[in-house]
């Protein structure tokens, strides 16, 4: 899932009830951890679209819309 960095930061700040500065630092640290984890355990590099079956921009669909698309995808995937 991808999304606008500012929207991600705002969502983190709202959920965790922290400042935007704290939320941005948390988001960046989490992204660094995810990238390192992925690159260590995967044969592909972080961000290489060939490694993904589905990419959704949550900034365009919102959390509920994104969840619905993922649900539909998972159902279709399980039917194969």
PDB file of N, CA and C in Angstrom:
ATOM      1  N   UNK A   1       0.843  -1.158   0.000  1.00  0.00           N
ATOM      2  CA  UNK A   1       0.000   0.000   0.000  1.00  0.00           C
ATOM      3  C   UNK A   1       0.896   1.231   0.000  1.00  0.00           C
ATOM      4  N   UNK A   2       0.554   2.160  -0.815  1.00  0.00           N
ATOM      5  CA  UNK A   2       1.277   3.424  -0.864  1.00  0.00           C
ATOM      6  C   UNK A   2       0.311   4.542  -0.500  1.00  0.00           C
ATOM      7  N   UNK A   3       0.854   5.695  -0.250  1.00  0.00           N
ATOM      8  CA  UNK A   3       0.002   6.832   0.057  1.00  0.00           C
ATOM      9  C   UNK A   3       0.836   8.078   0.226  1.00  0.00           C
ATOM     10  N   UNK A   4       0.156   9.190   0.256  1.00  0.00           N
ATOM     11  CA  UNK A   4       0.797  10.477   0.431  1.00  0.00           C
ATOM     12  C   UNK A   4       1.408  10.561   1.828  1.00  0.00           C
ATOM     13  N   UNK A   5       2.682  10.938   1.912  1.00  0.00           N
ATOM     14  CA  UNK A   5       3.401  10.983   3.190  1.00  0.00           C
ATOM     15  C   UNK A   5       2.712  11.916   4.187  1.00  0.00           C
ATOM     16  N   UNK A   6       2.243  13.063   3.720  1.00  0.00           N
ATOM     17  CA  UNK A   6       1.580  14.003   4.622  1.00  0.00           C
ATOM     18  C   UNK A   6       0.297  13.416   5.197  1.00  0.00           C
ATOM     19  N   UNK A   7      -0.469  12.720   4.370  1.00  0.00           N
ATOM     20  CA  UNK A   7      -1.698  12.098   4.857  1.00  0.00           C
ATOM     21  C   UNK A   7      -1.397  10.982   5.846  1.00  0.00           C
ATOM     22  N   UNK A   8      -0.347  10.207   5.571  1.00  0.00           N
ATOM     23  CA  UNK A   8       0.048   9.160   6.519  1.00  0.00           C
ATOM     24  C   UNK A   8       0.420   9.769   7.862  1.00  0.00           C
ATOM     25  N   UNK A   9       1.212  10.849   7.821  1.00  0.00           N
ATOM     26  CA  UNK A   9       1.647  11.510   9.046  1.00  0.00           C
ATOM     27  C   UNK A   9       0.450  12.047   9.819  1.00  0.00           C
ATOM     28  N   UNK A  10      -0.481  12.682   9.136  1.00  0.00           N
ATOM     29  CA  UNK A  10      -1.679  13.210   9.791  1.00  0.00           C
ATOM     30  C   UNK A  10      -2.504  12.097  10.425  1.00  0.00           C
ATOM     31  N   UNK A  11      -2.631  10.964   9.722  1.00  0.00           N
ATOM     32  CA  UNK A  11      -3.394   9.836  10.262  1.00  0.00           C
ATOM     33  C   UNK A  11      -2.728   9.287  11.525  1.00  0.00           C
ATOM     34  N   UNK A  12      -1.397   9.161  11.502  1.00  0.00           N
ATOM     35  CA  UNK A  12      -0.664   8.678  12.679  1.00  0.00           C
ATOM     36  C   UNK A  12      -0.855   9.637  13.851  1.00  0.00           C
ATOM     37  N   UNK A  13      -0.724  10.940  13.586  1.00  0.00           N
ATOM     38  CA  UNK A  13      -0.871  11.941  14.646  1.00  0.00           C
ATOM     39  C   UNK A  13      -2.258  11.869  15.277  1.00  0.00           C
ATOM     40  N   UNK A  14      -3.268  11.706  14.447  1.00  0.00           N
ATOM     41  CA  UNK A  14      -4.645  11.642  14.949  1.00  0.00           C
ATOM     42  C   UNK A  14      -4.871  10.375  15.769  1.00  0.00           C
ATOM     43  N   UNK A  15      -4.451   9.243  15.244  1.00  0.00           N
ATOM     44  CA  UNK A  15      -4.671   7.966  15.929  1.00  0.00           C
ATOM     45  C   UNK A  15      -3.911   7.906  17.251  1.00  0.00           C
ATOM     46  N   UNK A  16      -2.650   8.338  17.213  1.00  0.00           N
ATOM     47  CA  UNK A  16      -1.787   8.233  18.399  1.00  0.00           C
ATOM     48  C   UNK A  16      -1.864   9.455  19.304  1.00  0.00           C
ATOM     49  N   UNK A  17      -2.595  10.489  18.838  1.00  0.00           N
ATOM     50  CA  UNK A  17      -2.749  11.736  19.580  1.00  0.00           C
ATOM     51  C   UNK A  17      -1.384  12.330  19.946  1.00  0.00           C
ATOM     52  N   UNK A  18      -0.567  12.518  18.899  1.00  0.00           N
ATOM     53  CA  UNK A  18       0.761  13.103  19.047  1.00  0.00           C
ATOM     54  C   UNK A  18       0.898  14.243  18.046  1.00  0.00           C
ATOM     55  N   UNK A  19       1.966  15.013  18.192  1.00  0.00           N
ATOM     56  CA  UNK A  19       2.187  16.132  17.276  1.00  0.00           C
ATOM     57  C   UNK A  19       2.550  15.623  15.882  1.00  0.00           C
ATOM     58  N   UNK A  20       2.398  16.504  14.904  1.00  0.00           N
ATOM     59  CA  UNK A  20       2.767  16.148  13.534  1.00  0.00           C
ATOM     60  C   UNK A  20       4.256  15.833  13.440  1.00  0.00           C
ATOM     61  N   UNK A  21       5.080  16.544  14.183  1.00  0.00           N
ATOM     62  CA  UNK A  21       6.524  16.298  14.162  1.00  0.00           C
ATOM     63  C   UNK A  21       6.839  14.906  14.697  1.00  0.00           C
ATOM     64  N   UNK A  22       6.191  14.532  15.816  1.00  0.00           N
ATOM     65  CA  UNK A  22       6.400  13.198  16.378  1.00  0.00           C
ATOM     66  C   UNK A  22       5.889  12.116  15.420  1.00  0.00           C
ATOM     67  N   UNK A  23       4.744  12.379  14.807  1.00  0.00           N
ATOM     68  CA  UNK A  23       4.154  11.419  13.878  1.00  0.00           C
ATOM     69  C   UNK A  23       5.035  11.228  12.651  1.00  0.00           C
ATOM     70  N   UNK A  24       5.617  12.316  12.149  1.00  0.00           N
ATOM     71  CA  UNK A  24       6.497  12.209  10.987  1.00  0.00           C
ATOM     72  C   UNK A  24       7.739  11.392  11.323  1.00  0.00           C
ATOM     73  N   UNK A  25       8.313  11.638  12.479  1.00  0.00           N
ATOM     74  CA  UNK A  25       9.496  10.871  12.900  1.00  0.00           C
ATOM     75  C   UNK A  25       9.146   9.390  13.042  1.00  0.00           C
ATOM     76  N   UNK A  26       7.986   9.104  13.612  1.00  0.00           N
ATOM     77  CA  UNK A  26       7.545   7.720  13.776  1.00  0.00           C
ATOM     78  C   UNK A  26       7.322   7.047  12.424  1.00  0.00           C
ATOM     79  N   UNK A  27       6.687   7.772  11.509  1.00  0.00           N
ATOM     80  CA  UNK A  27       6.429   7.223  10.171  1.00  0.00           C
ATOM     81  C   UNK A  27       7.736   6.910   9.448  1.00  0.00           C
ATOM     82  N   UNK A  28       8.681   7.842   9.515  1.00  0.00           N
ATOM     83  CA  UNK A  28       9.957   7.631   8.842  1.00  0.00           C
ATOM     84  C   UNK A  28      10.715   6.450   9.447  1.00  0.00           C
ATOM     85  N   UNK A  29      10.712   6.337  10.767  1.00  0.00           N
ATOM     86  CA  UNK A  29      11.393   5.214  11.426  1.00  0.00           C
ATOM     87  C   UNK A  29      10.734   3.893  11.045  1.00  0.00           C
ATOM     88  N   UNK A  30       9.421   3.860  11.032  1.00  0.00           N
ATOM     89  CA  UNK A  30       8.702   2.642  10.655  1.00  0.00           C
ATOM     90  C   UNK A  30       8.999   2.270   9.208  1.00  0.00           C
ATOM     91  N   UNK A  31       9.015   3.250   8.325  1.00  0.00           N
ATOM     92  CA  UNK A  31       9.338   2.989   6.919  1.00  0.00           C
ATOM     93  C   UNK A  31      10.760   2.452   6.761  1.00  0.00           C
ATOM     94  N   UNK A  32      11.706   3.011   7.536  1.00  0.00           N
ATOM     95  CA  UNK A  32      13.090   2.506   7.485  1.00  0.00           C
ATOM     96  C   UNK A  32      13.153   1.049   7.932  1.00  0.00           C
ATOM     97  N   UNK A  33      12.445   0.736   9.028  1.00  0.00           N
ATOM     98  CA  UNK A  33      12.413  -0.633   9.532  1.00  0.00           C
ATOM     99  C   UNK A  33      11.794  -1.579   8.503  1.00  0.00           C
ATOM    100  N   UNK A  34      10.666  -1.188   7.930  1.00  0.00           N
ATOM    101  CA  UNK A  34       9.989  -2.035   6.933  1.00  0.00           C
ATOM    102  C   UNK A  34      10.884  -2.280   5.719  1.00  0.00           C
ATOM    103  N   UNK A  35      11.547  -1.225   5.254  1.00  0.00           N
ATOM    104  CA  UNK A  35      12.441  -1.354   4.105  1.00  0.00           C
ATOM    105  C   UNK A  35      13.590  -2.318   4.416  1.00  0.00           C
ATOM    106  N   UNK A  36      14.218  -2.153   5.569  1.00  0.00           N
ATOM    107  CA  UNK A  36      15.340  -3.023   5.955  1.00  0.00           C
ATOM    108  C   UNK A  36      14.880  -4.468   6.108  1.00  0.00           C
ATOM    109  N   UNK A  37      13.738  -4.668   6.740  1.00  0.00           N
ATOM    110  CA  UNK A  37      13.191  -6.017   6.945  1.00  0.00           C
ATOM    111  C   UNK A  37      12.919  -6.675   5.586  1.00  0.00           C
ATOM    112  N   UNK A  38      12.237  -5.935   4.718  1.00  0.00           N
ATOM    113  CA  UNK A  38      11.909  -6.468   3.397  1.00  0.00           C
ATOM    114  C   UNK A  38      13.175  -6.833   2.624  1.00  0.00           C
ATOM    115  N   UNK A  39      14.122  -5.914   2.592  1.00  0.00           N
ATOM    116  CA  UNK A  39      15.345  -6.150   1.817  1.00  0.00           C
ATOM    117  C   UNK A  39      16.165  -7.303   2.368  1.00  0.00           C
ATOM    118  N   UNK A  40      16.095  -7.546   3.665  1.00  0.00           N
ATOM    119  CA  UNK A  40      16.849  -8.647   4.268  1.00  0.00           C
ATOM    120  C   UNK A  40      16.209 -10.000   3.941  1.00  0.00           C
ATOM    121  N   UNK A  41      14.871 -10.068   4.030  1.00  0.00           N
ATOM    122  CA  UNK A  41      14.183 -11.346   3.890  1.00  0.00           C
ATOM    123  C   UNK A  41      13.654 -11.639   2.494  1.00  0.00           C
ATOM    124  N   UNK A  42      13.699 -10.682   1.610  1.00  0.00           N
ATOM    125  CA  UNK A  42      13.126 -10.866   0.281  1.00  0.00           C
ATOM    126  C   UNK A  42      14.223 -10.921  -0.782  1.00  0.00           C
ATOM    127  N   UNK A  43      13.907 -11.557  -1.875  1.00  0.00           N
ATOM    128  CA  UNK A  43      14.839 -11.597  -2.999  1.00  0.00           C
ATOM    129  C   UNK A  43      14.750 -10.337  -3.845  1.00  0.00           C
ATOM    130  N   UNK A  44      13.727  -9.523  -3.602  1.00  0.00           N
ATOM    131  CA  UNK A  44      13.556  -8.271  -4.335  1.00  0.00           C
ATOM    132  C   UNK A  44      13.826  -7.094  -3.407  1.00  0.00           C
ATOM    133  N   UNK A  45      14.035  -5.952  -3.989  1.00  0.00           N
ATOM    134  CA  UNK A  45      14.276  -4.746  -3.211  1.00  0.00           C
ATOM    135  C   UNK A  45      12.964  -4.005  -2.949  1.00  0.00           C
ATOM    136  N   UNK A  46      12.914  -3.309  -1.827  1.00  0.00           N
ATOM    137  CA  UNK A  46      11.763  -2.519  -1.426  1.00  0.00           C
ATOM    138  C   UNK A  46      11.367  -1.563  -2.554  1.00  0.00           C
ATOM    139  N   UNK A  47      10.112  -1.560  -2.914  1.00  0.00           N
ATOM    140  CA  UNK A  47       9.622  -0.652  -3.943  1.00  0.00           C
ATOM    141  C   UNK A  47       9.616  -1.230  -5.345  1.00  0.00           C
ATOM    142  N   UNK A  48      10.236  -2.395  -5.534  1.00  0.00           N
ATOM    143  CA  UNK A  48      10.243  -3.024  -6.859  1.00  0.00           C
ATOM    144  C   UNK A  48       8.860  -3.608  -7.110  1.00  0.00           C
ATOM    145  N   UNK A  49       8.125  -3.017  -8.030  1.00  0.00           N
ATOM    146  CA  UNK A  49       6.735  -3.411  -8.254  1.00  0.00           C
ATOM    147  C   UNK A  49       6.569  -4.859  -8.692  1.00  0.00           C
ATOM    148  N   UNK A  50       7.632  -5.472  -9.177  1.00  0.00           N
ATOM    149  CA  UNK A  50       7.536  -6.883  -9.585  1.00  0.00           C
ATOM    150  C   UNK A  50       7.336  -7.812  -8.386  1.00  0.00           C
ATOM    151  N   UNK A  51       7.563  -7.314  -7.188  1.00  0.00           N
ATOM    152  CA  UNK A  51       7.439  -8.128  -5.980  1.00  0.00           C
ATOM    153  C   UNK A  51       6.012  -8.136  -5.423  1.00  0.00           C
ATOM    154  N   UNK A  52       5.129  -7.348  -5.992  1.00  0.00           N
ATOM    155  CA  UNK A  52       3.795  -7.176  -5.422  1.00  0.00           C
ATOM    156  C   UNK A  52       2.710  -7.663  -6.383  1.00  0.00           C
ATOM    157  N   UNK A  53       1.672  -8.254  -5.815  1.00  0.00           N
ATOM    158  CA  UNK A  53       0.508  -8.654  -6.590  1.00  0.00           C
ATOM    159  C   UNK A  53      -0.521  -7.531  -6.675  1.00  0.00           C
ATOM    160  N   UNK A  54      -0.473  -6.624  -5.699  1.00  0.00           N
ATOM    161  CA  UNK A  54      -1.466  -5.560  -5.630  1.00  0.00           C
ATOM    162  C   UNK A  54      -0.836  -4.331  -4.977  1.00  0.00           C
ATOM    163  N   UNK A  55      -1.014  -3.181  -5.595  1.00  0.00           N
ATOM    164  CA  UNK A  55      -0.536  -1.925  -5.027  1.00  0.00           C
ATOM    165  C   UNK A  55      -1.712  -0.958  -5.028  1.00  0.00           C
ATOM    166  N   UNK A  56      -1.987  -0.374  -3.865  1.00  0.00           N
ATOM    167  CA  UNK A  56      -3.127   0.533  -3.710  1.00  0.00           C
ATOM    168  C   UNK A  56      -2.637   1.831  -3.093  1.00  0.00           C
ATOM    169  N   UNK A  57      -3.058   2.944  -3.640  1.00  0.00           N
ATOM    170  CA  UNK A  57      -2.754   4.240  -3.049  1.00  0.00           C
ATOM    171  C   UNK A  57      -3.882   4.579  -2.078  1.00  0.00           C
ATOM    172  N   UNK A  58      -3.618   4.385  -0.792  1.00  0.00           N
ATOM    173  CA  UNK A  58      -4.647   4.607   0.217  1.00  0.00           C
ATOM    174  C   UNK A  58      -5.045   6.068   0.338  1.00  0.00           C
ATOM    175  N   UNK A  59      -4.219   6.978  -0.117  1.00  0.00           N
ATOM    176  CA  UNK A  59      -4.562   8.400  -0.083  1.00  0.00           C
ATOM    177  C   UNK A  59      -5.714   8.714  -1.030  1.00  0.00           C
ATOM    178  N   UNK A  60      -5.853   7.929  -2.053  1.00  0.00           N
ATOM    179  CA  UNK A  60      -6.930   8.178  -3.029  1.00  0.00           C
ATOM    180  C   UNK A  60      -8.234   7.502  -2.627  1.00  0.00           C
ATOM    181  N   UNK A  61      -8.126   6.329  -1.997  1.00  0.00           N
ATOM    182  CA  UNK A  61      -9.332   5.565  -1.667  1.00  0.00           C
ATOM    183  C   UNK A  61      -9.760   5.710  -0.218  1.00  0.00           C
ATOM    184  N   UNK A  62      -8.887   6.182   0.640  1.00  0.00           N
ATOM    185  CA  UNK A  62      -9.180   6.215   2.071  1.00  0.00           C
ATOM    186  C   UNK A  62      -9.005   4.835   2.674  1.00  0.00           C
ATOM    187  N   UNK A  63      -9.048   4.769   3.977  1.00  0.00           N
ATOM    188  CA  UNK A  63      -8.835   3.492   4.667  1.00  0.00           C
ATOM    189  C   UNK A  63      -9.953   2.498   4.349  1.00  0.00           C
ATOM    190  N   UNK A  64     -11.203   2.939   4.408  1.00  0.00           N
ATOM    191  CA  UNK A  64     -12.324   2.029   4.142  1.00  0.00           C
ATOM    192  C   UNK A  64     -12.313   1.530   2.699  1.00  0.00           C
ATOM    193  N   UNK A  65     -12.077   2.426   1.753  1.00  0.00           N
ATOM    194  CA  UNK A  65     -12.019   2.025   0.348  1.00  0.00           C
ATOM    195  C   UNK A  65     -10.873   1.074   0.085  1.00  0.00           C
ATOM    196  N   UNK A  66      -9.737   1.335   0.702  1.00  0.00           N
ATOM    197  CA  UNK A  66      -8.571   0.465   0.552  1.00  0.00           C
ATOM    198  C   UNK A  66      -8.864  -0.912   1.132  1.00  0.00           C
ATOM    199  N   UNK A  67      -9.471  -0.941   2.312  1.00  0.00           N
ATOM    200  CA  UNK A  67      -9.815  -2.225   2.949  1.00  0.00           C
ATOM    201  C   UNK A  67     -10.768  -3.030   2.073  1.00  0.00           C
ATOM    202  N   UNK A  68     -11.721  -2.365   1.452  1.00  0.00           N
ATOM    203  CA  UNK A  68     -12.676  -3.056   0.580  1.00  0.00           C
ATOM    204  C   UNK A  68     -11.983  -3.657  -0.646  1.00  0.00           C
ATOM    205  N   UNK A  69     -11.067  -2.918  -1.259  1.00  0.00           N
ATOM    206  CA  UNK A  69     -10.332  -3.426  -2.416  1.00  0.00           C
ATOM    207  C   UNK A  69      -9.487  -4.633  -2.015  1.00  0.00           C
ATOM    208  N   UNK A  70      -8.822  -4.543  -0.866  1.00  0.00           N
ATOM    209  CA  UNK A  70      -8.005  -5.668  -0.387  1.00  0.00           C
ATOM    210  C   UNK A  70      -8.883  -6.892  -0.136  1.00  0.00           C
ATOM    211  N   UNK A  71     -10.034  -6.676   0.458  1.00  0.00           N
ATOM    212  CA  UNK A  71     -10.978  -7.778   0.714  1.00  0.00           C
ATOM    213  C   UNK A  71     -11.401  -8.444  -0.595  1.00  0.00           C
ATOM    214  N   UNK A  72     -11.764  -7.639  -1.583  1.00  0.00           N
ATOM    215  CA  UNK A  72     -12.174  -8.175  -2.881  1.00  0.00           C
ATOM    216  C   UNK A  72     -11.030  -8.936  -3.547  1.00  0.00           C
ATOM    217  N   UNK A  73      -9.838  -8.381  -3.464  1.00  0.00           N
ATOM    218  CA  UNK A  73      -8.676  -9.037  -4.052  1.00  0.00           C
ATOM    219  C   UNK A  73      -8.411 -10.381  -3.374  1.00  0.00           C
ATOM    220  N   UNK A  74      -8.466 -10.393  -2.048  1.00  0.00           N
ATOM    221  CA  UNK A  74      -8.210 -11.628  -1.301  1.00  0.00           C
ATOM    222  C   UNK A  74      -9.241 -12.701  -1.653  1.00  0.00           C
ATOM    223  N   UNK A  75     -10.492 -12.308  -1.774  1.00  0.00           N
ATOM    224  CA  UNK A  75     -11.533 -13.263  -2.138  1.00  0.00           C
ATOM    225  C   UNK A  75     -11.276 -13.829  -3.538  1.00  0.00           C
ATOM    226  N   UNK A  76     -10.950 -12.989  -4.479  1.00  0.00           N
ATOM    227  CA  UNK A  76     -10.666 -13.444  -5.846  1.00  0.00           C
ATOM    228  C   UNK A  76      -9.423 -14.332  -5.867  1.00  0.00           C
ATOM    229  N   UNK A  77      -8.422 -13.973  -5.089  1.00  0.00           N
ATOM    230  CA  UNK A  77      -7.182 -14.748  -5.019  1.00  0.00           C
ATOM    231  C   UNK A  77      -7.439 -16.146  -4.468  1.00  0.00           C
ATOM    232  N   UNK A  78      -8.291 -16.242  -3.462  1.00  0.00           N
ATOM    233  CA  UNK A  78      -8.598 -17.533  -2.841  1.00  0.00           C
ATOM    234  C   UNK A  78      -9.432 -18.437  -3.760  1.00  0.00           C
ATOM    235  N   UNK A  79     -10.154 -17.836  -4.686  1.00  0.00           N
ATOM    236  CA  UNK A  79     -10.987 -18.605  -5.615  1.00  0.00           C
ATOM    237  C   UNK A  79     -10.168 -19.249  -6.719  1.00  0.00           C
ATOM    238  N   UNK A  80      -8.934 -18.783  -6.938  1.00  0.00           N
ATOM    239  CA  UNK A  80      -8.106 -19.332  -8.025  1.00  0.00           C
ATOM    240  C   UNK A  80      -7.699 -20.746  -7.745  1.00  0.00           C
TER     241      UNK A  80
END
